[in-house]
Amino acid sequence: MPLETLLKSLLTGPFSFEARPEPVAGDLRMSWGIAILLLSLFYSRGKKGSFQRIQFLAHAVRLPEGRQDVRELFEGRLRPADLSVRVEPWLNRAVTFGHALKLLSVDKGQSVSLTPRGAEIANIIANTPDVLTDERTFLSQIAPRLTENTLTKIWRMEDLL
């Protein structure tokens, strides 16, 4: 079969498309990561947070078990040393993209804050009922209550001493 005939049959033949689940985990999708970052800052005091704060929230929000552990910490049923926290690699990419999109400002590599545009988009996400429901609920409850003192205890595990 000549190449022209093959191309013609491929280009004029029937075509169908069926949506399939995305094969990439949620925490590797930048749309999810940027949305979580924006919500984390939106619900934090002053619409800003240290890298330590946003790393903690990013790790805690990922899984139902992590969200439950943090809730139990704030209810006094777990100690800070009982939590296992890891640094989320996707968060740095989300910060970089958010900064490039002018949704965030980064202050001396120490903290991140929402720009007016970022706050506007975070507000839209926060007020869309069927988007990131579990994550929004968790962040709206925990982010305002999370203090730097609590973060220090969690990250440094001072209760073990």
N, C-alpha and C. Protein backbone atom coordinates (compact mmCIF):
# COMPACT_ATOMS: atom_id res chain seq x y z
N MET A 1 0.86 -1.17 0.00
CA MET A 1 0.00 0.00 0.00
C MET A 1 0.91 1.23 0.00
N PRO A 2 0.72 2.10 -0.97
CA PRO A 2 1.54 3.32 -1.02
C PRO A 2 1.26 4.20 0.20
N LEU A 3 2.25 5.00 0.55
CA LEU A 3 2.17 5.87 1.72
C LEU A 3 0.99 6.83 1.64
N GLU A 4 0.74 7.39 0.46
CA GLU A 4 -0.38 8.34 0.29
C GLU A 4 -1.71 7.68 0.58
N THR A 5 -1.90 6.47 0.15
CA THR A 5 -3.15 5.74 0.39
C THR A 5 -3.31 5.47 1.89
N LEU A 6 -2.22 5.07 2.53
CA LEU A 6 -2.26 4.81 3.97
C LEU A 6 -2.63 6.08 4.74
N LEU A 7 -1.98 7.20 4.42
CA LEU A 7 -2.29 8.47 5.09
C LEU A 7 -3.73 8.88 4.87
N LYS A 8 -4.21 8.73 3.64
CA LYS A 8 -5.60 9.11 3.33
C LYS A 8 -6.58 8.27 4.15
N SER A 9 -6.32 6.98 4.25
CA SER A 9 -7.24 6.13 5.02
C SER A 9 -7.18 6.46 6.51
N LEU A 10 -6.00 6.81 7.01
CA LEU A 10 -5.88 7.18 8.43
C LEU A 10 -6.57 8.51 8.73
N LEU A 11 -6.44 9.46 7.82
CA LEU A 11 -6.98 10.80 8.06
C LEU A 11 -8.47 10.91 7.78
N THR A 12 -9.01 10.03 6.97
CA THR A 12 -10.44 10.12 6.64
C THR A 12 -11.26 9.01 7.28
N GLY A 13 -10.61 8.09 7.95
CA GLY A 13 -11.31 6.98 8.58
C GLY A 13 -12.06 7.40 9.82
N PRO A 14 -12.87 6.52 10.38
CA PRO A 14 -13.63 6.85 11.60
C PRO A 14 -12.69 7.05 12.79
N PHE A 15 -13.08 7.96 13.64
CA PHE A 15 -12.27 8.29 14.82
C PHE A 15 -13.20 8.40 16.01
N SER A 16 -12.83 7.78 17.10
CA SER A 16 -13.63 7.92 18.32
C SER A 16 -12.68 8.19 19.48
N PHE A 17 -13.21 8.85 20.49
CA PHE A 17 -12.43 9.20 21.67
C PHE A 17 -13.23 8.81 22.89
N GLU A 18 -12.57 8.17 23.83
CA GLU A 18 -13.20 7.81 25.09
C GLU A 18 -12.33 8.34 26.22
N ALA A 19 -12.92 9.13 27.10
CA ALA A 19 -12.18 9.70 28.23
C ALA A 19 -11.75 8.57 29.15
N ARG A 20 -10.54 8.64 29.60
CA ARG A 20 -9.99 7.66 30.52
C ARG A 20 -9.44 8.38 31.74
N PRO A 21 -9.34 7.70 32.86
CA PRO A 21 -8.74 8.34 34.04
C PRO A 21 -7.31 8.75 33.74
N GLU A 22 -6.89 9.83 34.38
CA GLU A 22 -5.52 10.28 34.19
C GLU A 22 -4.58 9.30 34.88
N PRO A 23 -3.51 8.91 34.20
CA PRO A 23 -2.60 7.93 34.79
C PRO A 23 -1.59 8.53 35.76
N VAL A 24 -1.73 9.81 36.04
CA VAL A 24 -0.77 10.49 36.90
C VAL A 24 -1.42 10.74 38.26
N ALA A 25 -0.70 10.44 39.32
CA ALA A 25 -1.23 10.67 40.68
C ALA A 25 -1.55 12.14 40.88
N GLY A 26 -2.53 12.41 41.70
CA GLY A 26 -2.99 13.78 41.93
C GLY A 26 -1.90 14.72 42.39
N ASP A 27 -1.01 14.24 43.26
CA ASP A 27 0.01 15.14 43.78
C ASP A 27 1.11 15.43 42.76
N LEU A 28 1.07 14.80 41.60
CA LEU A 28 2.02 15.12 40.53
C LEU A 28 1.38 16.01 39.46
N ARG A 29 0.10 16.28 39.59
CA ARG A 29 -0.58 17.17 38.64
C ARG A 29 -0.44 18.60 39.15
N MET A 30 0.13 19.45 38.34
CA MET A 30 0.38 20.82 38.77
C MET A 30 -0.91 21.59 39.06
N SER A 31 -1.98 21.29 38.35
CA SER A 31 -3.24 21.99 38.65
C SER A 31 -3.68 21.70 40.08
N TRP A 32 -3.55 20.46 40.50
CA TRP A 32 -3.90 20.08 41.86
C TRP A 32 -2.95 20.74 42.85
N GLY A 33 -1.65 20.67 42.58
CA GLY A 33 -0.65 21.22 43.48
C GLY A 33 -0.78 22.72 43.68
N ILE A 34 -0.99 23.44 42.59
CA ILE A 34 -1.15 24.90 42.69
C ILE A 34 -2.43 25.23 43.45
N ALA A 35 -3.50 24.50 43.18
CA ALA A 35 -4.76 24.75 43.89
C ALA A 35 -4.60 24.50 45.39
N ILE A 36 -3.93 23.42 45.78
CA ILE A 36 -3.71 23.13 47.19
C ILE A 36 -2.85 24.21 47.83
N LEU A 37 -1.82 24.64 47.14
CA LEU A 37 -0.96 25.70 47.65
C LEU A 37 -1.74 26.99 47.84
N LEU A 38 -2.53 27.37 46.85
CA LEU A 38 -3.33 28.60 46.97
C LEU A 38 -4.30 28.51 48.14
N LEU A 39 -4.96 27.36 48.29
CA LEU A 39 -5.90 27.21 49.41
C LEU A 39 -5.18 27.22 50.75
N SER A 40 -4.00 26.61 50.82
CA SER A 40 -3.23 26.60 52.07
C SER A 40 -2.92 28.02 52.52
N LEU A 41 -2.52 28.85 51.58
CA LEU A 41 -2.21 30.25 51.90
C LEU A 41 -3.48 31.05 52.15
N PHE A 42 -4.52 30.78 51.38
CA PHE A 42 -5.79 31.50 51.50
C PHE A 42 -6.36 31.36 52.91
N TYR A 43 -6.27 30.16 53.47
CA TYR A 43 -6.84 29.92 54.80
C TYR A 43 -5.86 30.24 55.94
N SER A 44 -4.61 30.52 55.61
CA SER A 44 -3.62 30.87 56.63
C SER A 44 -3.75 32.33 57.02
N ARG A 45 -3.35 32.63 58.25
CA ARG A 45 -3.40 34.02 58.71
C ARG A 45 -2.53 34.91 57.83
N GLY A 46 -3.07 36.04 57.42
CA GLY A 46 -2.33 36.98 56.59
C GLY A 46 -2.15 36.52 55.16
N LYS A 47 -2.80 35.43 54.78
CA LYS A 47 -2.69 34.87 53.42
C LYS A 47 -1.23 34.60 53.04
N LYS A 48 -0.43 34.17 54.04
CA LYS A 48 0.96 33.85 53.79
C LYS A 48 1.40 32.73 54.72
N GLY A 49 2.57 32.17 54.41
CA GLY A 49 3.09 31.11 55.25
C GLY A 49 4.55 30.83 54.97
N SER A 50 5.21 30.33 55.98
CA SER A 50 6.61 29.92 55.82
C SER A 50 6.65 28.65 54.98
N PHE A 51 7.83 28.33 54.47
CA PHE A 51 7.96 27.09 53.71
C PHE A 51 7.69 25.89 54.62
N GLN A 52 8.04 26.01 55.88
CA GLN A 52 7.78 24.95 56.84
C GLN A 52 6.26 24.71 56.96
N ARG A 53 5.50 25.78 57.04
CA ARG A 53 4.03 25.69 57.13
C ARG A 53 3.44 25.05 55.89
N ILE A 54 3.81 25.55 54.71
CA ILE A 54 3.17 25.02 53.51
C ILE A 54 3.62 23.58 53.23
N GLN A 55 4.85 23.22 53.62
CA GLN A 55 5.27 21.82 53.48
C GLN A 55 4.44 20.92 54.39
N PHE A 56 4.23 21.36 55.62
CA PHE A 56 3.42 20.57 56.55
C PHE A 56 2.00 20.38 56.02
N LEU A 57 1.38 21.48 55.60
CA LEU A 57 0.01 21.39 55.09
C LEU A 57 -0.06 20.55 53.81
N ALA A 58 0.94 20.69 52.95
CA ALA A 58 0.97 19.92 51.70
C ALA A 58 1.04 18.42 51.99
N HIS A 59 1.84 18.06 52.97
CA HIS A 59 1.94 16.64 53.32
C HIS A 59 0.66 16.14 53.99
N ALA A 60 0.14 16.92 54.90
CA ALA A 60 -1.03 16.49 55.67
C ALA A 60 -2.28 16.36 54.81
N VAL A 61 -2.44 17.22 53.83
CA VAL A 61 -3.67 17.26 53.05
C VAL A 61 -3.76 16.14 52.01
N ARG A 62 -2.66 15.55 51.65
CA ARG A 62 -2.62 14.58 50.55
C ARG A 62 -3.54 13.38 50.73
N LEU A 63 -3.53 12.80 51.92
CA LEU A 63 -4.25 11.55 52.16
C LEU A 63 -5.25 11.70 53.30
N PRO A 64 -6.35 10.95 53.25
CA PRO A 64 -7.31 11.00 54.37
C PRO A 64 -6.67 10.67 55.71
N GLU A 65 -5.72 9.74 55.72
CA GLU A 65 -5.06 9.36 56.97
C GLU A 65 -4.26 10.53 57.54
N GLY A 66 -3.59 11.26 56.67
CA GLY A 66 -2.81 12.42 57.11
C GLY A 66 -3.70 13.51 57.66
N ARG A 67 -4.82 13.73 57.00
CA ARG A 67 -5.77 14.74 57.49
C ARG A 67 -6.31 14.34 58.86
N GLN A 68 -6.60 13.05 59.03
CA GLN A 68 -7.13 12.57 60.31
C GLN A 68 -6.09 12.70 61.41
N ASP A 69 -4.84 12.38 61.12
CA ASP A 69 -3.77 12.50 62.12
C ASP A 69 -3.64 13.94 62.61
N VAL A 70 -3.69 14.89 61.71
CA VAL A 70 -3.55 16.29 62.10
C VAL A 70 -4.76 16.74 62.91
N ARG A 71 -5.94 16.29 62.54
CA ARG A 71 -7.13 16.62 63.33
C ARG A 71 -6.98 16.07 64.75
N GLU A 72 -6.49 14.84 64.86
CA GLU A 72 -6.29 14.24 66.18
C GLU A 72 -5.23 14.99 66.98
N LEU A 73 -4.23 15.52 66.32
CA LEU A 73 -3.22 16.35 66.99
C LEU A 73 -3.89 17.57 67.62
N PHE A 74 -4.73 18.24 66.85
CA PHE A 74 -5.39 19.44 67.36
C PHE A 74 -6.47 19.13 68.40
N GLU A 75 -6.95 17.91 68.39
CA GLU A 75 -7.92 17.49 69.41
C GLU A 75 -7.22 16.97 70.67
N GLY A 76 -5.88 16.88 70.62
CA GLY A 76 -5.12 16.42 71.78
C GLY A 76 -4.99 14.92 71.90
N ARG A 77 -5.41 14.18 70.91
CA ARG A 77 -5.31 12.72 70.95
C ARG A 77 -3.98 12.19 70.43
N LEU A 78 -3.22 13.04 69.74
CA LEU A 78 -1.87 12.70 69.28
C LEU A 78 -0.90 13.78 69.73
N ARG A 79 0.35 13.37 69.94
CA ARG A 79 1.40 14.34 70.26
C ARG A 79 2.11 14.73 68.96
N PRO A 80 2.76 15.89 68.92
CA PRO A 80 3.50 16.27 67.71
C PRO A 80 4.50 15.19 67.27
N ALA A 81 5.12 14.52 68.21
CA ALA A 81 6.10 13.48 67.87
C ALA A 81 5.45 12.25 67.23
N ASP A 82 4.12 12.11 67.37
CA ASP A 82 3.42 10.97 66.78
C ASP A 82 3.20 11.14 65.28
N LEU A 83 3.37 12.36 64.78
CA LEU A 83 3.16 12.61 63.36
C LEU A 83 4.43 12.34 62.57
N SER A 84 4.25 11.78 61.41
CA SER A 84 5.35 11.60 60.48
C SER A 84 5.14 12.58 59.34
N VAL A 85 6.09 13.48 59.14
CA VAL A 85 5.95 14.50 58.11
C VAL A 85 7.10 14.38 57.14
N ARG A 86 6.81 14.50 55.86
CA ARG A 86 7.87 14.47 54.85
C ARG A 86 7.78 15.72 53.99
N VAL A 87 8.88 15.99 53.34
CA VAL A 87 8.92 17.11 52.41
C VAL A 87 8.32 16.65 51.09
N GLU A 88 7.37 17.41 50.59
CA GLU A 88 6.69 17.06 49.35
C GLU A 88 7.41 17.66 48.15
N PRO A 89 7.94 16.84 47.26
CA PRO A 89 8.69 17.37 46.11
C PRO A 89 7.84 18.20 45.15
N TRP A 90 6.56 17.91 45.06
CA TRP A 90 5.71 18.65 44.13
C TRP A 90 5.49 20.09 44.57
N LEU A 91 5.65 20.35 45.86
CA LEU A 91 5.35 21.69 46.37
C LEU A 91 6.29 22.75 45.80
N ASN A 92 7.57 22.44 45.70
CA ASN A 92 8.50 23.42 45.14
C ASN A 92 8.15 23.75 43.69
N ARG A 93 7.71 22.75 42.92
CA ARG A 93 7.28 23.01 41.55
C ARG A 93 6.04 23.89 41.54
N ALA A 94 5.11 23.62 42.45
CA ALA A 94 3.89 24.43 42.53
C ALA A 94 4.22 25.88 42.89
N VAL A 95 5.15 26.07 43.81
CA VAL A 95 5.57 27.43 44.19
C VAL A 95 6.19 28.13 42.98
N THR A 96 7.04 27.42 42.26
CA THR A 96 7.70 28.00 41.10
C THR A 96 6.68 28.41 40.04
N PHE A 97 5.74 27.51 39.72
CA PHE A 97 4.72 27.83 38.72
C PHE A 97 3.81 28.95 39.22
N GLY A 98 3.41 28.89 40.49
CA GLY A 98 2.55 29.93 41.07
C GLY A 98 3.21 31.30 41.03
N HIS A 99 4.50 31.33 41.29
CA HIS A 99 5.25 32.59 41.24
C HIS A 99 5.33 33.10 39.80
N ALA A 100 5.60 32.19 38.86
CA ALA A 100 5.69 32.58 37.45
C ALA A 100 4.35 33.09 36.93
N LEU A 101 3.26 32.54 37.45
CA LEU A 101 1.92 32.97 37.04
C LEU A 101 1.45 34.21 37.80
N LYS A 102 2.32 34.74 38.66
CA LYS A 102 2.03 35.93 39.47
C LYS A 102 0.86 35.72 40.43
N LEU A 103 0.74 34.48 40.92
CA LEU A 103 -0.26 34.15 41.92
C LEU A 103 0.32 34.24 43.33
N LEU A 104 1.66 34.16 43.41
CA LEU A 104 2.37 34.15 44.68
C LEU A 104 3.55 35.09 44.63
N SER A 105 3.94 35.54 45.80
CA SER A 105 5.23 36.22 45.91
C SER A 105 6.05 35.45 46.94
N VAL A 106 7.34 35.36 46.68
CA VAL A 106 8.25 34.65 47.56
C VAL A 106 9.15 35.69 48.20
N ASP A 107 9.18 35.69 49.53
CA ASP A 107 9.94 36.69 50.27
C ASP A 107 11.26 36.10 50.77
N LYS A 108 12.35 36.44 50.10
CA LYS A 108 13.71 36.05 50.51
C LYS A 108 13.87 34.54 50.70
N GLY A 109 13.07 33.76 49.99
CA GLY A 109 13.17 32.31 50.12
C GLY A 109 12.69 31.78 51.45
N GLN A 110 12.07 32.64 52.26
CA GLN A 110 11.63 32.26 53.61
C GLN A 110 10.13 31.98 53.69
N SER A 111 9.35 32.78 52.97
CA SER A 111 7.90 32.64 53.05
C SER A 111 7.26 32.92 51.70
N VAL A 112 6.01 32.51 51.60
CA VAL A 112 5.24 32.66 50.38
C VAL A 112 3.93 33.35 50.75
N SER A 113 3.49 34.27 49.92
CA SER A 113 2.21 34.93 50.17
C SER A 113 1.43 35.05 48.88
N LEU A 114 0.12 35.15 49.03
CA LEU A 114 -0.75 35.31 47.87
C LEU A 114 -0.67 36.74 47.34
N THR A 115 -0.64 36.87 46.04
CA THR A 115 -0.79 38.17 45.42
C THR A 115 -2.29 38.44 45.33
N PRO A 116 -2.71 39.65 45.00
CA PRO A 116 -4.15 39.88 44.82
C PRO A 116 -4.78 38.93 43.81
N ARG A 117 -4.07 38.67 42.72
CA ARG A 117 -4.59 37.73 41.71
C ARG A 117 -4.69 36.32 42.30
N GLY A 118 -3.68 35.91 43.06
CA GLY A 118 -3.70 34.60 43.69
C GLY A 118 -4.83 34.47 44.69
N ALA A 119 -5.07 35.53 45.46
CA ALA A 119 -6.17 35.52 46.43
C ALA A 119 -7.52 35.42 45.73
N GLU A 120 -7.63 36.08 44.59
CA GLU A 120 -8.88 36.04 43.81
C GLU A 120 -9.15 34.61 43.31
N ILE A 121 -8.12 33.97 42.78
CA ILE A 121 -8.28 32.60 42.29
C ILE A 121 -8.53 31.64 43.44
N ALA A 122 -7.82 31.81 44.54
CA ALA A 122 -8.03 30.96 45.72
C ALA A 122 -9.46 31.11 46.23
N ASN A 123 -9.98 32.31 46.21
CA ASN A 123 -11.35 32.56 46.64
C ASN A 123 -12.35 31.82 45.74
N ILE A 124 -12.08 31.82 44.44
CA ILE A 124 -12.95 31.10 43.51
C ILE A 124 -12.92 29.61 43.81
N ILE A 125 -11.72 29.06 44.02
CA ILE A 125 -11.60 27.63 44.36
C ILE A 125 -12.31 27.33 45.67
N ALA A 126 -12.12 28.19 46.66
CA ALA A 126 -12.72 27.98 47.98
C ALA A 126 -14.24 28.03 47.94
N ASN A 127 -14.80 28.74 46.98
CA ASN A 127 -16.25 28.89 46.91
C ASN A 127 -16.90 28.07 45.81
N THR A 128 -16.17 27.15 45.23
CA THR A 128 -16.74 26.23 44.25
C THR A 128 -17.07 24.94 44.99
N PRO A 129 -18.35 24.64 45.14
CA PRO A 129 -18.78 23.57 46.04
C PRO A 129 -18.22 22.18 45.74
N ASP A 130 -18.06 21.80 44.50
CA ASP A 130 -17.68 20.43 44.20
C ASP A 130 -16.22 20.27 43.80
N VAL A 131 -15.38 21.22 44.20
CA VAL A 131 -13.95 21.15 43.88
C VAL A 131 -13.15 20.98 45.17
N LEU A 132 -12.32 19.96 45.22
CA LEU A 132 -11.41 19.72 46.35
C LEU A 132 -12.15 19.80 47.70
N THR A 133 -13.27 19.17 47.78
CA THR A 133 -14.13 19.27 48.95
C THR A 133 -13.43 18.87 50.25
N ASP A 134 -12.83 17.69 50.28
CA ASP A 134 -12.16 17.22 51.50
C ASP A 134 -10.97 18.10 51.85
N GLU A 135 -10.21 18.46 50.83
CA GLU A 135 -9.02 19.28 51.04
C GLU A 135 -9.39 20.68 51.56
N ARG A 136 -10.43 21.27 50.97
CA ARG A 136 -10.88 22.61 51.40
C ARG A 136 -11.35 22.58 52.84
N THR A 137 -12.13 21.58 53.18
CA THR A 137 -12.64 21.47 54.55
C THR A 137 -11.48 21.36 55.53
N PHE A 138 -10.53 20.48 55.23
CA PHE A 138 -9.37 20.29 56.10
C PHE A 138 -8.58 21.59 56.24
N LEU A 139 -8.22 22.21 55.13
CA LEU A 139 -7.38 23.42 55.18
C LEU A 139 -8.10 24.57 55.86
N SER A 140 -9.40 24.68 55.67
CA SER A 140 -10.14 25.78 56.32
C SER A 140 -10.19 25.59 57.84
N GLN A 141 -10.15 24.34 58.30
CA GLN A 141 -10.17 24.06 59.73
C GLN A 141 -8.79 24.17 60.37
N ILE A 142 -7.77 23.70 59.67
CA ILE A 142 -6.44 23.55 60.28
C ILE A 142 -5.52 24.73 60.03
N ALA A 143 -5.47 25.24 58.81
CA ALA A 143 -4.50 26.30 58.48
C ALA A 143 -4.59 27.51 59.40
N PRO A 144 -5.79 28.01 59.76
CA PRO A 144 -5.83 29.18 60.64
C PRO A 144 -5.34 28.88 62.06
N ARG A 145 -5.41 27.63 62.49
CA ARG A 145 -5.03 27.25 63.85
C ARG A 145 -3.57 26.84 63.99
N LEU A 146 -2.90 26.65 62.86
CA LEU A 146 -1.53 26.16 62.86
C LEU A 146 -0.56 27.29 63.19
N THR A 147 0.10 27.17 64.32
CA THR A 147 1.04 28.21 64.75
C THR A 147 2.48 27.77 64.46
N GLU A 148 3.37 28.74 64.44
CA GLU A 148 4.79 28.42 64.23
C GLU A 148 5.32 27.58 65.39
N ASN A 149 4.81 27.80 66.59
CA ASN A 149 5.23 27.00 67.75
C ASN A 149 4.86 25.52 67.55
N THR A 150 3.65 25.28 67.08
CA THR A 150 3.22 23.90 66.81
C THR A 150 4.08 23.29 65.72
N LEU A 151 4.34 24.05 64.67
CA LEU A 151 5.18 23.56 63.58
C LEU A 151 6.58 23.19 64.06
N THR A 152 7.14 24.02 64.91
CA THR A 152 8.48 23.75 65.44
C THR A 152 8.48 22.43 66.21
N LYS A 153 7.46 22.21 67.02
CA LYS A 153 7.37 20.97 67.78
C LYS A 153 7.25 19.75 66.86
N ILE A 154 6.48 19.90 65.79
CA ILE A 154 6.29 18.79 64.86
C ILE A 154 7.57 18.48 64.10
N TRP A 155 8.17 19.49 63.51
CA TRP A 155 9.36 19.29 62.67
C TRP A 155 10.59 18.89 63.48
N ARG A 156 10.73 19.45 64.69
CA ARG A 156 11.92 19.16 65.48
C ARG A 156 11.70 18.01 66.45
N MET A 157 10.48 17.58 66.59
CA MET A 157 10.12 16.48 67.49
C MET A 157 10.65 16.71 68.90
N GLU A 158 10.39 17.89 69.43
CA GLU A 158 10.89 18.26 70.76
C GLU A 158 10.33 17.38 71.87
N ASP A 159 9.16 16.78 71.63
CA ASP A 159 8.55 15.93 72.66
C ASP A 159 9.37 14.66 72.93
N LEU A 160 10.28 14.31 72.01
CA LEU A 160 11.08 13.11 72.20
C LEU A 160 12.21 13.32 73.19
N LEU A 161 12.55 14.57 73.45
CA LEU A 161 13.68 14.85 74.34
C LEU A 161 13.28 14.76 75.81
